[in-house]
Amino acid sequence: MFAVSLGEDGAELRPLEPWHAEEFFAHIDRGREFIGRYVGLADVVGDLEAGRTFLREYADKAAADTGRLYGIWADGALVGGVLFRTMDVAQGTAEAGCWLEPSAVGRGLVTRAARAIIDWAVERRGVHRIEWHASARNVPSVAVARRLGMTRDGVLRESYLRRGERHDMEVWSVLAPEWRAARAAQAGPRP
């Protein structure tokens, strides 16, 4: 198993796999209402078996190279995750997303984790376009897209039905050349 450090605070990014089902379900249960405000994951993972099924589906996506799922661990506990909900390597596109429980909010964990998976997708898998879809009401998720240097492509008006309410969905994206240029600018000049 591997882990990617997310910084000096000891947070790590790791694959989230079926054998994590109990830890995953406990994590979702801790943050169910918070996570569920905008993300359907809280409703999909209603019990341990549903959590195991969700993790198996993403293990199958990873095996087929059509998606990925990673957990964010902080202080030894699973507190959130990032994923490629869809990934089409042949077309060079992927849709990234995230979730986080309330105890981990405000630490930059999602932004750091999303940077790690986008770096991987662009540099290792050759993905050209990464998308980020977020309810216009989900201010923290929209802020992550901005911090990642994404461009807002547009708004899909009332396109997402969530718990009986229609939400406008913002679509953000970054292209591989933009991503590389921003990463090079952050690294600064080389001696």
N, C-alpha and C. Protein backbone atom coordinates (compact mmCIF):
# COMPACT_ATOMS: atom_id res chain seq x y z
N MET A 1 0.84 -1.18 0.00
CA MET A 1 0.00 0.00 0.00
C MET A 1 0.88 1.24 0.00
N PHE A 2 0.39 2.31 -0.58
CA PHE A 2 1.16 3.54 -0.59
C PHE A 2 0.38 4.64 0.11
N ALA A 3 1.09 5.67 0.52
CA ALA A 3 0.50 6.87 1.08
C ALA A 3 1.28 8.05 0.54
N VAL A 4 0.57 9.12 0.22
CA VAL A 4 1.19 10.35 -0.24
C VAL A 4 1.00 11.38 0.86
N SER A 5 2.09 11.98 1.30
CA SER A 5 2.02 13.01 2.33
C SER A 5 1.30 14.23 1.76
N LEU A 6 0.43 14.80 2.57
CA LEU A 6 -0.26 16.02 2.17
C LEU A 6 0.32 17.24 2.88
N GLY A 7 1.48 17.08 3.51
CA GLY A 7 2.13 18.22 4.14
C GLY A 7 2.67 17.90 5.51
N GLU A 8 3.17 18.93 6.14
CA GLU A 8 3.84 18.78 7.42
C GLU A 8 2.90 18.43 8.58
N ASP A 9 1.60 18.56 8.37
CA ASP A 9 0.66 18.25 9.45
C ASP A 9 0.39 16.75 9.58
N GLY A 10 1.06 15.93 8.76
CA GLY A 10 0.92 14.47 8.87
C GLY A 10 -0.25 13.89 8.11
N ALA A 11 -1.05 14.70 7.46
CA ALA A 11 -2.18 14.19 6.69
C ALA A 11 -1.66 13.39 5.50
N GLU A 12 -2.42 12.36 5.13
CA GLU A 12 -2.01 11.48 4.03
C GLU A 12 -3.17 11.20 3.09
N LEU A 13 -2.81 10.93 1.85
CA LEU A 13 -3.73 10.49 0.82
C LEU A 13 -3.40 9.04 0.53
N ARG A 14 -4.42 8.17 0.59
CA ARG A 14 -4.22 6.74 0.33
C ARG A 14 -5.38 6.20 -0.49
N PRO A 15 -5.15 5.13 -1.24
CA PRO A 15 -6.29 4.49 -1.92
C PRO A 15 -7.34 4.07 -0.88
N LEU A 16 -8.58 4.24 -1.24
CA LEU A 16 -9.69 3.83 -0.38
C LEU A 16 -10.29 2.59 -1.03
N GLU A 17 -10.13 1.45 -0.36
CA GLU A 17 -10.42 0.16 -0.97
C GLU A 17 -11.47 -0.61 -0.16
N PRO A 18 -12.02 -1.69 -0.74
CA PRO A 18 -13.08 -2.43 -0.07
C PRO A 18 -12.75 -2.88 1.36
N TRP A 19 -11.49 -3.18 1.64
CA TRP A 19 -11.16 -3.62 2.99
C TRP A 19 -11.26 -2.48 4.02
N HIS A 20 -11.46 -1.25 3.56
CA HIS A 20 -11.66 -0.10 4.45
C HIS A 20 -13.14 0.11 4.79
N ALA A 21 -14.01 -0.81 4.42
CA ALA A 21 -15.46 -0.59 4.51
C ALA A 21 -15.93 -0.14 5.89
N GLU A 22 -15.47 -0.78 6.94
CA GLU A 22 -15.93 -0.39 8.28
C GLU A 22 -15.49 1.02 8.64
N GLU A 23 -14.22 1.33 8.37
CA GLU A 23 -13.71 2.67 8.66
C GLU A 23 -14.43 3.71 7.79
N PHE A 24 -14.67 3.37 6.53
CA PHE A 24 -15.36 4.27 5.60
C PHE A 24 -16.79 4.54 6.08
N PHE A 25 -17.52 3.49 6.46
CA PHE A 25 -18.89 3.69 6.93
C PHE A 25 -18.92 4.53 8.20
N ALA A 26 -18.02 4.28 9.14
CA ALA A 26 -17.97 5.07 10.37
C ALA A 26 -17.69 6.55 10.05
N HIS A 27 -16.79 6.78 9.12
CA HIS A 27 -16.47 8.15 8.70
C HIS A 27 -17.70 8.83 8.09
N ILE A 28 -18.37 8.16 7.16
CA ILE A 28 -19.56 8.74 6.53
C ILE A 28 -20.62 9.01 7.59
N ASP A 29 -20.79 8.08 8.52
CA ASP A 29 -21.79 8.25 9.58
C ASP A 29 -21.48 9.48 10.44
N ARG A 30 -20.21 9.71 10.75
CA ARG A 30 -19.82 10.89 11.55
C ARG A 30 -20.18 12.19 10.84
N GLY A 31 -20.05 12.21 9.54
CA GLY A 31 -20.28 13.45 8.80
C GLY A 31 -21.50 13.44 7.92
N ARG A 32 -22.39 12.48 8.14
CA ARG A 32 -23.51 12.24 7.22
C ARG A 32 -24.29 13.51 6.83
N GLU A 33 -24.73 14.27 7.79
CA GLU A 33 -25.55 15.45 7.46
C GLU A 33 -24.73 16.51 6.76
N PHE A 34 -23.53 16.74 7.20
CA PHE A 34 -22.65 17.73 6.60
C PHE A 34 -22.31 17.34 5.16
N ILE A 35 -21.87 16.11 4.97
CA ILE A 35 -21.50 15.63 3.64
C ILE A 35 -22.73 15.63 2.73
N GLY A 36 -23.86 15.23 3.26
CA GLY A 36 -25.07 15.06 2.48
C GLY A 36 -25.75 16.33 2.03
N ARG A 37 -25.30 17.48 2.50
CA ARG A 37 -25.94 18.73 2.05
C ARG A 37 -25.85 18.87 0.54
N TYR A 38 -24.72 18.46 -0.05
CA TYR A 38 -24.51 18.65 -1.48
C TYR A 38 -24.07 17.41 -2.22
N VAL A 39 -23.66 16.37 -1.49
CA VAL A 39 -23.06 15.19 -2.11
C VAL A 39 -23.93 13.97 -1.82
N GLY A 40 -24.28 13.23 -2.87
CA GLY A 40 -25.13 12.06 -2.73
C GLY A 40 -24.50 10.89 -2.00
N LEU A 41 -23.19 10.94 -1.79
CA LEU A 41 -22.48 9.85 -1.11
C LEU A 41 -23.10 9.50 0.23
N ALA A 42 -23.54 10.51 0.97
CA ALA A 42 -24.11 10.26 2.29
C ALA A 42 -25.39 9.43 2.22
N ASP A 43 -26.12 9.54 1.13
CA ASP A 43 -27.34 8.75 0.96
C ASP A 43 -27.04 7.38 0.38
N VAL A 44 -26.02 7.29 -0.46
CA VAL A 44 -25.64 6.02 -1.08
C VAL A 44 -25.10 5.05 -0.02
N VAL A 45 -24.32 5.56 0.92
CA VAL A 45 -23.68 4.74 1.95
C VAL A 45 -24.55 4.77 3.21
N GLY A 46 -25.70 4.11 3.13
CA GLY A 46 -26.64 4.11 4.26
C GLY A 46 -26.33 3.07 5.32
N ASP A 47 -25.55 2.05 4.96
CA ASP A 47 -25.17 1.02 5.92
C ASP A 47 -23.82 0.44 5.50
N LEU A 48 -23.30 -0.45 6.32
CA LEU A 48 -21.98 -1.02 6.06
C LEU A 48 -21.91 -1.73 4.71
N GLU A 49 -22.91 -2.52 4.37
CA GLU A 49 -22.87 -3.24 3.10
C GLU A 49 -22.92 -2.29 1.92
N ALA A 50 -23.69 -1.22 2.01
CA ALA A 50 -23.72 -0.22 0.94
C ALA A 50 -22.36 0.46 0.80
N GLY A 51 -21.69 0.68 1.92
CA GLY A 51 -20.33 1.24 1.88
C GLY A 51 -19.37 0.30 1.20
N ARG A 52 -19.47 -0.98 1.54
CA ARG A 52 -18.61 -1.99 0.91
C ARG A 52 -18.87 -2.05 -0.60
N THR A 53 -20.13 -2.00 -0.98
CA THR A 53 -20.50 -2.03 -2.40
C THR A 53 -19.93 -0.81 -3.13
N PHE A 54 -20.05 0.36 -2.54
CA PHE A 54 -19.50 1.58 -3.14
C PHE A 54 -17.99 1.44 -3.35
N LEU A 55 -17.29 0.95 -2.34
CA LEU A 55 -15.85 0.79 -2.46
C LEU A 55 -15.49 -0.25 -3.52
N ARG A 56 -16.28 -1.32 -3.62
CA ARG A 56 -16.04 -2.33 -4.68
C ARG A 56 -16.24 -1.72 -6.06
N GLU A 57 -17.28 -0.88 -6.21
CA GLU A 57 -17.53 -0.25 -7.50
C GLU A 57 -16.33 0.59 -7.93
N TYR A 58 -15.73 1.30 -6.97
CA TYR A 58 -14.56 2.10 -7.31
C TYR A 58 -13.32 1.25 -7.52
N ALA A 59 -13.23 0.11 -6.86
CA ALA A 59 -12.12 -0.82 -7.14
C ALA A 59 -12.25 -1.34 -8.57
N ASP A 60 -13.49 -1.61 -9.00
CA ASP A 60 -13.72 -2.04 -10.38
C ASP A 60 -13.39 -0.92 -11.37
N LYS A 61 -13.76 0.32 -11.02
CA LYS A 61 -13.41 1.45 -11.89
C LYS A 61 -11.90 1.59 -12.00
N ALA A 62 -11.19 1.44 -10.90
CA ALA A 62 -9.73 1.55 -10.94
C ALA A 62 -9.15 0.45 -11.83
N ALA A 63 -9.68 -0.77 -11.71
CA ALA A 63 -9.19 -1.88 -12.54
C ALA A 63 -9.47 -1.63 -14.02
N ALA A 64 -10.58 -0.96 -14.33
CA ALA A 64 -10.95 -0.66 -15.72
C ALA A 64 -10.36 0.67 -16.19
N ASP A 65 -9.68 1.37 -15.29
CA ASP A 65 -9.07 2.67 -15.59
C ASP A 65 -10.12 3.72 -15.96
N THR A 66 -11.27 3.67 -15.27
CA THR A 66 -12.35 4.62 -15.54
C THR A 66 -12.71 5.48 -14.33
N GLY A 67 -11.97 5.35 -13.25
CA GLY A 67 -12.20 6.16 -12.06
C GLY A 67 -11.23 5.76 -10.96
N ARG A 68 -11.13 6.58 -9.93
CA ARG A 68 -10.24 6.32 -8.79
C ARG A 68 -10.87 6.90 -7.54
N LEU A 69 -10.52 6.33 -6.40
CA LEU A 69 -11.04 6.77 -5.11
C LEU A 69 -9.91 6.77 -4.09
N TYR A 70 -9.73 7.90 -3.41
CA TYR A 70 -8.67 8.04 -2.42
C TYR A 70 -9.24 8.62 -1.14
N GLY A 71 -8.75 8.13 -0.01
CA GLY A 71 -9.14 8.66 1.28
C GLY A 71 -8.12 9.66 1.78
N ILE A 72 -8.59 10.59 2.57
CA ILE A 72 -7.73 11.55 3.25
C ILE A 72 -7.73 11.18 4.73
N TRP A 73 -6.54 10.86 5.23
CA TRP A 73 -6.38 10.52 6.64
C TRP A 73 -5.67 11.68 7.35
N ALA A 74 -6.20 12.09 8.48
CA ALA A 74 -5.57 13.13 9.31
C ALA A 74 -5.65 12.66 10.75
N ASP A 75 -4.56 12.82 11.46
CA ASP A 75 -4.50 12.40 12.87
C ASP A 75 -4.92 10.93 13.01
N GLY A 76 -4.55 10.12 12.02
CA GLY A 76 -4.81 8.69 12.07
C GLY A 76 -6.21 8.26 11.71
N ALA A 77 -7.08 9.21 11.33
CA ALA A 77 -8.48 8.86 11.04
C ALA A 77 -8.83 9.27 9.61
N LEU A 78 -9.69 8.47 8.98
CA LEU A 78 -10.24 8.81 7.68
C LEU A 78 -11.20 9.99 7.88
N VAL A 79 -10.95 11.11 7.20
CA VAL A 79 -11.76 12.32 7.40
C VAL A 79 -12.39 12.84 6.11
N GLY A 80 -12.04 12.24 4.97
CA GLY A 80 -12.60 12.72 3.72
C GLY A 80 -12.02 11.95 2.56
N GLY A 81 -12.26 12.48 1.38
CA GLY A 81 -11.73 11.81 0.21
C GLY A 81 -11.81 12.66 -1.03
N VAL A 82 -11.06 12.23 -2.03
CA VAL A 82 -11.11 12.81 -3.37
C VAL A 82 -11.21 11.65 -4.35
N LEU A 83 -11.73 11.95 -5.52
CA LEU A 83 -11.94 10.87 -6.47
C LEU A 83 -11.95 11.41 -7.88
N PHE A 84 -11.77 10.49 -8.79
CA PHE A 84 -12.12 10.73 -10.17
C PHE A 84 -13.41 9.95 -10.37
N ARG A 85 -14.52 10.67 -10.37
CA ARG A 85 -15.82 10.06 -10.53
C ARG A 85 -15.90 9.39 -11.89
N THR A 86 -15.34 10.05 -12.89
CA THR A 86 -15.21 9.47 -14.22
C THR A 86 -13.80 9.75 -14.71
N MET A 87 -13.32 8.89 -15.59
CA MET A 87 -12.02 9.09 -16.20
C MET A 87 -12.02 8.35 -17.54
N ASP A 88 -11.74 9.10 -18.60
CA ASP A 88 -11.66 8.52 -19.93
C ASP A 88 -10.29 8.88 -20.48
N VAL A 89 -9.33 7.99 -20.30
CA VAL A 89 -7.95 8.26 -20.69
C VAL A 89 -7.84 8.44 -22.20
N ALA A 90 -8.58 7.66 -22.96
CA ALA A 90 -8.52 7.78 -24.41
C ALA A 90 -8.95 9.17 -24.88
N GLN A 91 -9.96 9.71 -24.25
CA GLN A 91 -10.43 11.06 -24.59
C GLN A 91 -9.64 12.15 -23.85
N GLY A 92 -8.93 11.75 -22.79
CA GLY A 92 -8.14 12.70 -22.02
C GLY A 92 -8.96 13.56 -21.09
N THR A 93 -10.05 13.00 -20.55
CA THR A 93 -10.91 13.76 -19.65
C THR A 93 -11.15 13.00 -18.35
N ALA A 94 -11.39 13.77 -17.30
CA ALA A 94 -11.73 13.19 -16.00
C ALA A 94 -12.53 14.21 -15.22
N GLU A 95 -13.40 13.71 -14.35
CA GLU A 95 -14.14 14.58 -13.43
C GLU A 95 -13.70 14.26 -12.01
N ALA A 96 -13.12 15.25 -11.35
CA ALA A 96 -12.67 15.09 -9.96
C ALA A 96 -13.76 15.58 -9.02
N GLY A 97 -13.72 15.08 -7.79
CA GLY A 97 -14.66 15.52 -6.77
C GLY A 97 -14.09 15.26 -5.40
N CYS A 98 -14.88 15.61 -4.38
CA CYS A 98 -14.39 15.50 -3.00
C CYS A 98 -15.54 15.42 -2.01
N TRP A 99 -15.19 15.10 -0.79
CA TRP A 99 -16.08 15.22 0.36
C TRP A 99 -15.19 15.29 1.59
N LEU A 100 -15.75 15.81 2.69
CA LEU A 100 -14.99 15.99 3.92
C LEU A 100 -15.95 16.02 5.09
N GLU A 101 -15.54 15.43 6.21
CA GLU A 101 -16.37 15.52 7.40
C GLU A 101 -16.06 16.83 8.13
N PRO A 102 -16.97 17.32 8.96
CA PRO A 102 -16.80 18.63 9.59
C PRO A 102 -15.52 18.79 10.41
N SER A 103 -15.04 17.73 11.04
CA SER A 103 -13.85 17.85 11.91
C SER A 103 -12.60 18.24 11.14
N ALA A 104 -12.61 18.09 9.82
CA ALA A 104 -11.42 18.33 9.01
C ALA A 104 -11.51 19.60 8.16
N VAL A 105 -12.58 20.33 8.27
CA VAL A 105 -12.79 21.52 7.46
C VAL A 105 -11.79 22.61 7.84
N GLY A 106 -11.38 23.37 6.84
CA GLY A 106 -10.55 24.54 7.08
C GLY A 106 -9.06 24.29 7.17
N ARG A 107 -8.62 23.09 6.85
CA ARG A 107 -7.19 22.75 6.94
C ARG A 107 -6.52 22.64 5.58
N GLY A 108 -7.26 22.86 4.51
CA GLY A 108 -6.69 22.78 3.17
C GLY A 108 -6.49 21.36 2.68
N LEU A 109 -7.08 20.39 3.36
CA LEU A 109 -6.85 18.99 3.01
C LEU A 109 -7.36 18.63 1.62
N VAL A 110 -8.56 19.08 1.29
CA VAL A 110 -9.13 18.74 -0.02
C VAL A 110 -8.32 19.37 -1.13
N THR A 111 -7.93 20.62 -0.97
CA THR A 111 -7.14 21.28 -2.01
C THR A 111 -5.82 20.55 -2.23
N ARG A 112 -5.14 20.20 -1.15
CA ARG A 112 -3.86 19.49 -1.28
C ARG A 112 -4.06 18.11 -1.91
N ALA A 113 -5.10 17.41 -1.49
CA ALA A 113 -5.36 16.07 -2.04
C ALA A 113 -5.74 16.16 -3.51
N ALA A 114 -6.58 17.12 -3.87
CA ALA A 114 -6.98 17.28 -5.27
C ALA A 114 -5.77 17.62 -6.14
N ARG A 115 -4.87 18.44 -5.62
CA ARG A 115 -3.64 18.74 -6.39
C ARG A 115 -2.86 17.45 -6.67
N ALA A 116 -2.76 16.60 -5.67
CA ALA A 116 -2.00 15.35 -5.84
C ALA A 116 -2.62 14.47 -6.92
N ILE A 117 -3.94 14.32 -6.92
CA ILE A 117 -4.54 13.42 -7.92
C ILE A 117 -4.56 14.06 -9.30
N ILE A 118 -4.69 15.39 -9.36
CA ILE A 118 -4.65 16.05 -10.67
C ILE A 118 -3.25 15.95 -11.25
N ASP A 119 -2.22 16.16 -10.41
CA ASP A 119 -0.84 15.97 -10.88
C ASP A 119 -0.66 14.58 -11.49
N TRP A 120 -1.15 13.58 -10.77
CA TRP A 120 -1.03 12.20 -11.25
C TRP A 120 -1.76 12.02 -12.59
N ALA A 121 -2.98 12.53 -12.67
CA ALA A 121 -3.77 12.34 -13.90
C ALA A 121 -3.12 13.02 -15.10
N VAL A 122 -2.62 14.22 -14.88
CA VAL A 122 -2.01 14.97 -15.98
C VAL A 122 -0.66 14.38 -16.36
N GLU A 123 0.20 14.16 -15.35
CA GLU A 123 1.57 13.76 -15.65
C GLU A 123 1.75 12.26 -15.91
N ARG A 124 1.00 11.43 -15.22
CA ARG A 124 1.17 9.97 -15.38
C ARG A 124 0.20 9.35 -16.37
N ARG A 125 -1.03 9.87 -16.40
CA ARG A 125 -2.05 9.24 -17.25
C ARG A 125 -2.31 10.02 -18.52
N GLY A 126 -1.75 11.24 -18.65
CA GLY A 126 -1.92 12.02 -19.87
C GLY A 126 -3.29 12.64 -20.04
N VAL A 127 -4.00 12.84 -18.94
CA VAL A 127 -5.33 13.46 -19.02
C VAL A 127 -5.15 14.93 -19.38
N HIS A 128 -5.95 15.40 -20.32
CA HIS A 128 -5.84 16.76 -20.83
C HIS A 128 -6.78 17.73 -20.11
N ARG A 129 -7.97 17.27 -19.73
CA ARG A 129 -8.98 18.15 -19.13
C ARG A 129 -9.52 17.51 -17.85
N ILE A 130 -9.39 18.25 -16.76
CA ILE A 130 -9.97 17.81 -15.48
C ILE A 130 -11.15 18.73 -15.19
N GLU A 131 -12.30 18.14 -14.92
CA GLU A 131 -13.49 18.92 -14.57
C GLU A 131 -13.78 18.80 -13.08
N TRP A 132 -14.48 19.80 -12.58
CA TRP A 132 -14.94 19.86 -11.18
C TRP A 132 -16.37 20.36 -11.24
N HIS A 133 -17.34 19.56 -10.77
CA HIS A 133 -18.74 19.95 -10.76
C HIS A 133 -19.15 20.20 -9.32
N ALA A 134 -19.81 21.33 -9.07
CA ALA A 134 -20.22 21.66 -7.70
C ALA A 134 -21.52 22.44 -7.73
N SER A 135 -22.37 22.16 -6.76
CA SER A 135 -23.56 22.99 -6.59
C SER A 135 -23.11 24.42 -6.37
N ALA A 136 -23.80 25.36 -7.00
CA ALA A 136 -23.46 26.78 -6.82
C ALA A 136 -23.60 27.18 -5.35
N ARG A 137 -24.39 26.44 -4.59
CA ARG A 137 -24.57 26.73 -3.16
C ARG A 137 -23.42 26.19 -2.31
N ASN A 138 -22.63 25.29 -2.88
CA ASN A 138 -21.53 24.66 -2.14
C ASN A 138 -20.29 25.55 -2.24
N VAL A 139 -20.30 26.61 -1.46
CA VAL A 139 -19.24 27.63 -1.51
C VAL A 139 -17.86 27.03 -1.27
N PRO A 140 -17.68 26.12 -0.30
CA PRO A 140 -16.34 25.55 -0.11
C PRO A 140 -15.83 24.77 -1.32
N SER A 141 -16.68 24.03 -2.00
CA SER A 141 -16.25 23.27 -3.17
C SER A 141 -15.88 24.19 -4.32
N VAL A 142 -16.67 25.25 -4.52
CA VAL A 142 -16.35 26.24 -5.55
C VAL A 142 -15.01 26.91 -5.22
N ALA A 143 -14.77 27.17 -3.94
CA ALA A 143 -13.49 27.77 -3.52
C ALA A 143 -12.31 26.85 -3.83
N VAL A 144 -12.50 25.54 -3.67
CA VAL A 144 -11.44 24.59 -4.01
C VAL A 144 -11.12 24.69 -5.50
N ALA A 145 -12.16 24.72 -6.34
CA ALA A 145 -11.93 24.84 -7.79
C ALA A 145 -11.11 26.09 -8.10
N ARG A 146 -11.45 27.19 -7.44
CA ARG A 146 -10.68 28.43 -7.65
C ARG A 146 -9.23 28.27 -7.20
N ARG A 147 -9.03 27.69 -6.01
CA ARG A 147 -7.66 27.51 -5.49
C ARG A 147 -6.84 26.59 -6.38
N LEU A 148 -7.51 25.67 -7.07
CA LEU A 148 -6.82 24.77 -7.99
C LEU A 148 -6.49 25.46 -9.32
N GLY A 149 -6.92 26.69 -9.48
CA GLY A 149 -6.63 27.43 -10.71
C GLY A 149 -7.55 27.06 -11.86
N MET A 150 -8.71 26.51 -11.54
CA MET A 150 -9.65 26.12 -12.58
C MET A 150 -10.42 27.34 -13.09
N THR A 151 -10.96 27.20 -14.28
CA THR A 151 -11.79 28.22 -14.91
C THR A 151 -13.23 27.75 -14.87
N ARG A 152 -14.14 28.67 -14.52
CA ARG A 152 -15.55 28.31 -14.53
C ARG A 152 -16.04 28.32 -15.97
N ASP A 153 -16.43 27.13 -16.45
CA ASP A 153 -16.91 26.97 -17.81
C ASP A 153 -18.35 27.43 -17.96
N GLY A 154 -19.12 27.29 -16.90
CA GLY A 154 -20.52 27.68 -16.98
C GLY A 154 -21.35 27.12 -15.85
N VAL A 155 -22.64 27.38 -15.93
CA VAL A 155 -23.59 26.94 -14.93
C VAL A 155 -24.69 26.14 -15.62
N LEU A 156 -24.94 24.95 -15.12
CA LEU A 156 -26.05 24.14 -15.60
C LEU A 156 -27.22 24.43 -14.66
N ARG A 157 -28.12 25.28 -15.12
CA ARG A 157 -29.19 25.77 -14.26
C ARG A 157 -30.15 24.65 -13.84
N GLU A 158 -30.37 24.56 -12.53
CA GLU A 158 -31.31 23.61 -11.92
C GLU A 158 -31.16 22.19 -12.48
N SER A 159 -29.94 21.78 -12.71
CA SER A 159 -29.70 20.47 -13.33
C SER A 159 -29.53 19.34 -12.34
N TYR A 160 -29.39 19.65 -11.06
CA TYR A 160 -29.09 18.63 -10.06
C TYR A 160 -30.19 18.61 -9.00
N LEU A 161 -30.88 17.48 -8.93
CA LEU A 161 -31.93 17.31 -7.93
C LEU A 161 -31.32 16.65 -6.71
N ARG A 162 -31.32 17.33 -5.58
CA ARG A 162 -30.71 16.83 -4.35
C ARG A 162 -31.69 16.99 -3.22
N ARG A 163 -32.15 15.87 -2.68
CA ARG A 163 -33.08 15.85 -1.56
C ARG A 163 -34.29 16.76 -1.81
N GLY A 164 -34.84 16.65 -3.01
CA GLY A 164 -36.05 17.36 -3.37
C GLY A 164 -35.86 18.80 -3.81
N GLU A 165 -34.64 19.28 -3.84
CA GLU A 165 -34.37 20.65 -4.28
C GLU A 165 -33.51 20.65 -5.53
N ARG A 166 -33.81 21.54 -6.43
CA ARG A 166 -33.00 21.69 -7.64
C ARG A 166 -31.86 22.65 -7.37
N HIS A 167 -30.65 22.26 -7.81
CA HIS A 167 -29.45 23.07 -7.64
C HIS A 167 -28.87 23.44 -9.00
N ASP A 168 -28.37 24.66 -9.09
CA ASP A 168 -27.54 25.03 -10.23
C ASP A 168 -26.19 24.36 -10.02
N MET A 169 -25.65 23.76 -11.07
CA MET A 169 -24.34 23.13 -10.99
C MET A 169 -23.32 23.95 -11.76
N GLU A 170 -22.24 24.32 -11.07
CA GLU A 170 -21.14 25.00 -11.73
C GLU A 170 -20.17 23.96 -12.26
N VAL A 171 -19.70 24.17 -13.48
CA VAL A 171 -18.71 23.29 -14.09
C VAL A 171 -17.42 24.10 -14.22
N TRP A 172 -16.37 23.59 -13.59
CA TRP A 172 -15.04 24.21 -13.62
C TRP A 172 -14.10 23.23 -14.31
N SER A 173 -13.02 23.75 -14.88
CA SER A 173 -12.05 22.85 -15.50
C SER A 173 -10.67 23.49 -15.52
N VAL A 174 -9.70 22.61 -15.67
CA VAL A 174 -8.32 23.02 -15.93
C VAL A 174 -7.78 22.10 -17.00
N LEU A 175 -7.04 22.69 -17.93
CA LEU A 175 -6.42 21.93 -19.01
C LEU A 175 -4.97 21.64 -18.65
N ALA A 176 -4.44 20.55 -19.16
CA ALA A 176 -3.08 20.13 -18.81
C ALA A 176 -2.04 21.24 -19.00
N PRO A 177 -2.04 21.99 -20.12
CA PRO A 177 -1.03 23.04 -20.26
C PRO A 177 -1.17 24.13 -19.18
N GLU A 178 -2.40 24.45 -18.82
CA GLU A 178 -2.63 25.45 -17.76
C GLU A 178 -2.13 24.92 -16.41
N TRP A 179 -2.42 23.64 -16.15
CA TRP A 179 -1.99 23.01 -14.90
C TRP A 179 -0.47 23.03 -14.78
N ARG A 180 0.19 22.62 -15.86
CA ARG A 180 1.66 22.58 -15.85
C ARG A 180 2.25 23.98 -15.68
N ALA A 181 1.69 24.96 -16.35
CA ALA A 181 2.21 26.33 -16.23
C ALA A 181 2.03 26.86 -14.81
N ALA A 182 0.90 26.60 -14.21
CA ALA A 182 0.66 27.05 -12.83
C ALA A 182 1.60 26.35 -11.85
N ARG A 183 1.80 25.06 -12.04
CA ARG A 183 2.71 24.31 -11.15
C ARG A 183 4.15 24.81 -11.31
N ALA A 184 4.56 25.12 -12.54
CA ALA A 184 5.92 25.64 -12.78
C ALA A 184 6.07 27.01 -12.13
N ALA A 185 5.04 27.84 -12.22
CA ALA A 185 5.10 29.18 -11.61
C ALA A 185 5.19 29.08 -10.09
N GLN A 186 4.49 28.11 -9.50
CA GLN A 186 4.56 27.90 -8.04
C GLN A 186 5.92 27.44 -7.60
N ALA A 187 6.57 26.65 -8.44
CA ALA A 187 7.91 26.13 -8.10
C ALA A 187 8.95 27.22 -8.19
N GLY A 188 8.70 28.25 -9.00
CA GLY A 188 9.65 29.35 -9.13
C GLY A 188 10.79 29.00 -10.06
N PRO A 189 11.66 29.98 -10.29
CA PRO A 189 12.79 29.74 -11.20
C PRO A 189 13.78 28.77 -10.63
N ARG A 190 14.40 28.02 -11.51
CA ARG A 190 15.43 27.04 -11.08
C ARG A 190 16.80 27.69 -11.18
N PRO A 191 17.67 27.41 -10.21
CA PRO A 191 19.02 28.00 -10.25
C PRO A 191 19.88 27.39 -11.34
